Amino acid sequence: MENESTEIQSSTEELMAKLTVRLNAAIELLERALQQPAIAAAGEAVGPIVAMVEGREAELARKLAAAEKTIAELRASSATGRRTLPVSLLAKQDSAAPEPAALDAALSSLGLEQRIAVKAQLLRSGLV
């Protein structure tokens, strides 16, 4: 039994010695690789790349904020902005002008100035 224990211990020591030699060789290779100029230059180039990406993110964030602001302004202006007339009102039916009551009903949602402008335009175009 003691003989077996001695064999296991010696094989373990041999294995540890081999592993130590291999690890030392791997460490030396890594140290040499890090000292090569190409790898060092690649490490230095990472900084500008990161800065470019961060700069692009900031630019995109500014563009997104501007687009959201424009959308909000357009939505706000569309709530009080110009409204269109129904197509059937604008089309002449049998070369007859639309009835004044129908025209007033269609324009009722517009403000006074807008109603006047629409009626003036209809008069100029010959629809009324």
Protein backbone atom coordinates (compact mmCIF):
# COMPACT_ATOMS: atom_id res chain seq x y z
CA MET A 1 0.00 0.00 0.00
CA GLU A 2 2.84 2.32 0.84
CA ASN A 3 4.35 1.53 -2.54
CA GLU A 4 1.15 2.62 -4.30
CA SER A 5 1.02 5.85 -2.33
CA THR A 6 4.63 6.61 -3.29
CA GLU A 7 3.85 5.99 -6.97
CA ILE A 8 0.80 8.26 -6.88
CA GLN A 9 2.77 10.98 -5.14
CA SER A 10 5.64 10.75 -7.65
CA SER A 11 3.26 10.78 -10.63
CA THR A 12 1.48 13.79 -9.13
CA GLU A 13 4.78 15.60 -8.68
CA GLU A 14 5.78 14.81 -12.26
CA LEU A 15 2.44 16.06 -13.52
CA MET A 16 2.78 19.26 -11.47
CA ALA A 17 6.29 19.80 -12.85
CA LYS A 18 5.07 19.35 -16.45
CA LEU A 19 2.14 21.69 -15.89
CA THR A 20 4.42 24.31 -14.34
CA VAL A 21 6.76 24.17 -17.32
CA ARG A 22 3.85 24.52 -19.76
CA LEU A 23 2.31 27.41 -17.82
CA ASN A 24 5.62 29.25 -17.73
CA ALA A 25 6.00 28.79 -21.49
CA ALA A 26 2.46 30.11 -22.08
CA ILE A 27 3.15 33.16 -19.90
CA GLU A 28 6.33 33.92 -21.83
CA LEU A 29 4.47 33.68 -25.15
CA LEU A 30 1.75 36.05 -23.92
CA GLU A 31 4.30 38.56 -22.66
CA ARG A 32 6.11 38.51 -26.02
CA ALA A 33 2.83 38.91 -27.89
CA LEU A 34 1.88 41.97 -25.84
CA GLN A 35 5.22 43.60 -26.60
CA GLN A 36 4.75 43.35 -30.38
CA PRO A 37 4.05 46.73 -32.02
CA ALA A 38 0.99 45.57 -33.97
CA ILE A 39 -0.84 44.49 -30.84
CA ALA A 40 0.22 47.62 -28.96
CA ALA A 41 -1.04 49.79 -31.83
CA ALA A 42 -4.33 47.92 -31.86
CA GLY A 43 -4.73 48.66 -28.18
CA GLU A 44 -4.09 52.36 -28.81
CA ALA A 45 -6.65 52.44 -31.65
CA VAL A 46 -9.45 51.26 -29.38
CA GLY A 47 -9.67 54.66 -27.68
CA PRO A 48 -10.56 56.64 -30.84
CA ILE A 49 -13.05 53.96 -31.91
CA VAL A 50 -14.83 54.16 -28.57
CA ALA A 51 -14.86 57.97 -28.81
CA MET A 52 -16.36 57.79 -32.33
CA VAL A 53 -19.12 55.46 -31.15
CA GLU A 54 -19.92 57.65 -28.16
CA GLY A 55 -19.96 60.75 -30.38
CA ARG A 56 -22.32 59.05 -32.83
CA GLU A 57 -24.64 58.07 -29.97
CA ALA A 58 -24.78 61.67 -28.79
CA GLU A 59 -25.50 62.89 -32.34
CA LEU A 60 -28.31 60.36 -32.77
CA ALA A 61 -29.78 61.36 -29.40
CA ARG A 62 -29.82 65.02 -30.51
CA LYS A 63 -31.50 64.10 -33.81
CA LEU A 64 -34.10 62.00 -31.99
CA ALA A 65 -34.88 64.85 -29.61
CA ALA A 66 -35.26 67.26 -32.56
CA ALA A 67 -37.56 64.82 -34.38
CA GLU A 68 -39.71 64.31 -31.28
CA LYS A 69 -39.97 68.08 -30.83
CA THR A 70 -41.02 68.52 -34.47
CA ILE A 71 -43.65 65.77 -34.14
CA ALA A 72 -45.05 67.40 -30.99
CA GLU A 73 -45.22 70.79 -32.75
CA LEU A 74 -46.96 69.27 -35.77
CA ARG A 75 -49.49 67.50 -33.57
CA ALA A 76 -50.19 70.72 -31.67
CA SER A 77 -50.62 72.72 -34.86
CA SER A 78 -52.85 70.09 -36.47
CA ALA A 79 -55.31 70.36 -33.61
CA THR A 80 -56.00 74.02 -34.43
CA GLY A 81 -54.85 74.05 -38.03
CA ARG A 82 -56.61 74.04 -41.35
CA ARG A 83 -59.22 71.40 -42.00
CA THR A 84 -60.18 70.16 -45.42
CA LEU A 85 -63.65 70.13 -46.93
CA PRO A 86 -65.37 66.94 -47.96
CA VAL A 87 -64.67 66.08 -51.59
CA SER A 88 -68.38 65.80 -52.34
CA LEU A 89 -68.85 69.43 -51.39
CA LEU A 90 -66.15 70.63 -53.74
CA ALA A 91 -67.34 68.61 -56.71
CA LYS A 92 -69.94 70.26 -58.86
CA GLN A 93 -73.01 68.14 -59.15
CA ASP A 94 -74.85 68.69 -62.43
CA SER A 95 -73.07 72.04 -62.78
CA ALA A 96 -74.99 73.35 -59.79
CA ALA A 97 -73.44 75.16 -56.87
CA PRO A 98 -73.70 73.52 -53.45
CA GLU A 99 -76.58 74.66 -51.29
CA PRO A 100 -75.65 77.47 -48.90
CA ALA A 101 -76.93 75.48 -45.89
CA ALA A 102 -74.77 72.48 -46.80
CA LEU A 103 -71.77 74.75 -47.35
CA ASP A 104 -72.29 76.47 -43.97
CA ALA A 105 -72.68 73.08 -42.25
CA ALA A 106 -69.46 71.79 -43.80
CA LEU A 107 -67.57 74.92 -42.77
CA SER A 108 -68.99 75.11 -39.24
CA SER A 109 -65.96 73.43 -37.69
CA LEU A 110 -63.65 76.14 -39.06
CA GLY A 111 -62.93 79.47 -37.47
CA LEU A 112 -64.52 82.65 -38.85
CA GLU A 113 -61.42 83.74 -40.79
CA GLN A 114 -60.97 80.28 -42.26
CA ARG A 115 -64.63 80.14 -43.35
CA ILE A 116 -64.29 83.48 -45.09
CA ALA A 117 -61.09 82.37 -46.82
CA VAL A 118 -62.65 79.10 -48.00
CA LYS A 119 -65.77 80.81 -49.30
CA ALA A 120 -63.64 83.39 -51.12
CA GLN A 121 -61.61 80.62 -52.72
CA LEU A 122 -64.76 78.78 -53.77
CA LEU A 123 -66.08 81.98 -55.32
CA ARG A 124 -62.85 82.57 -57.21
CA SER A 125 -62.85 79.01 -58.54
CA GLY A 126 -66.47 79.29 -59.62
CA LEU A 127 -67.81 76.55 -57.39
CA VAL A 128 -70.23 78.85 -55.60
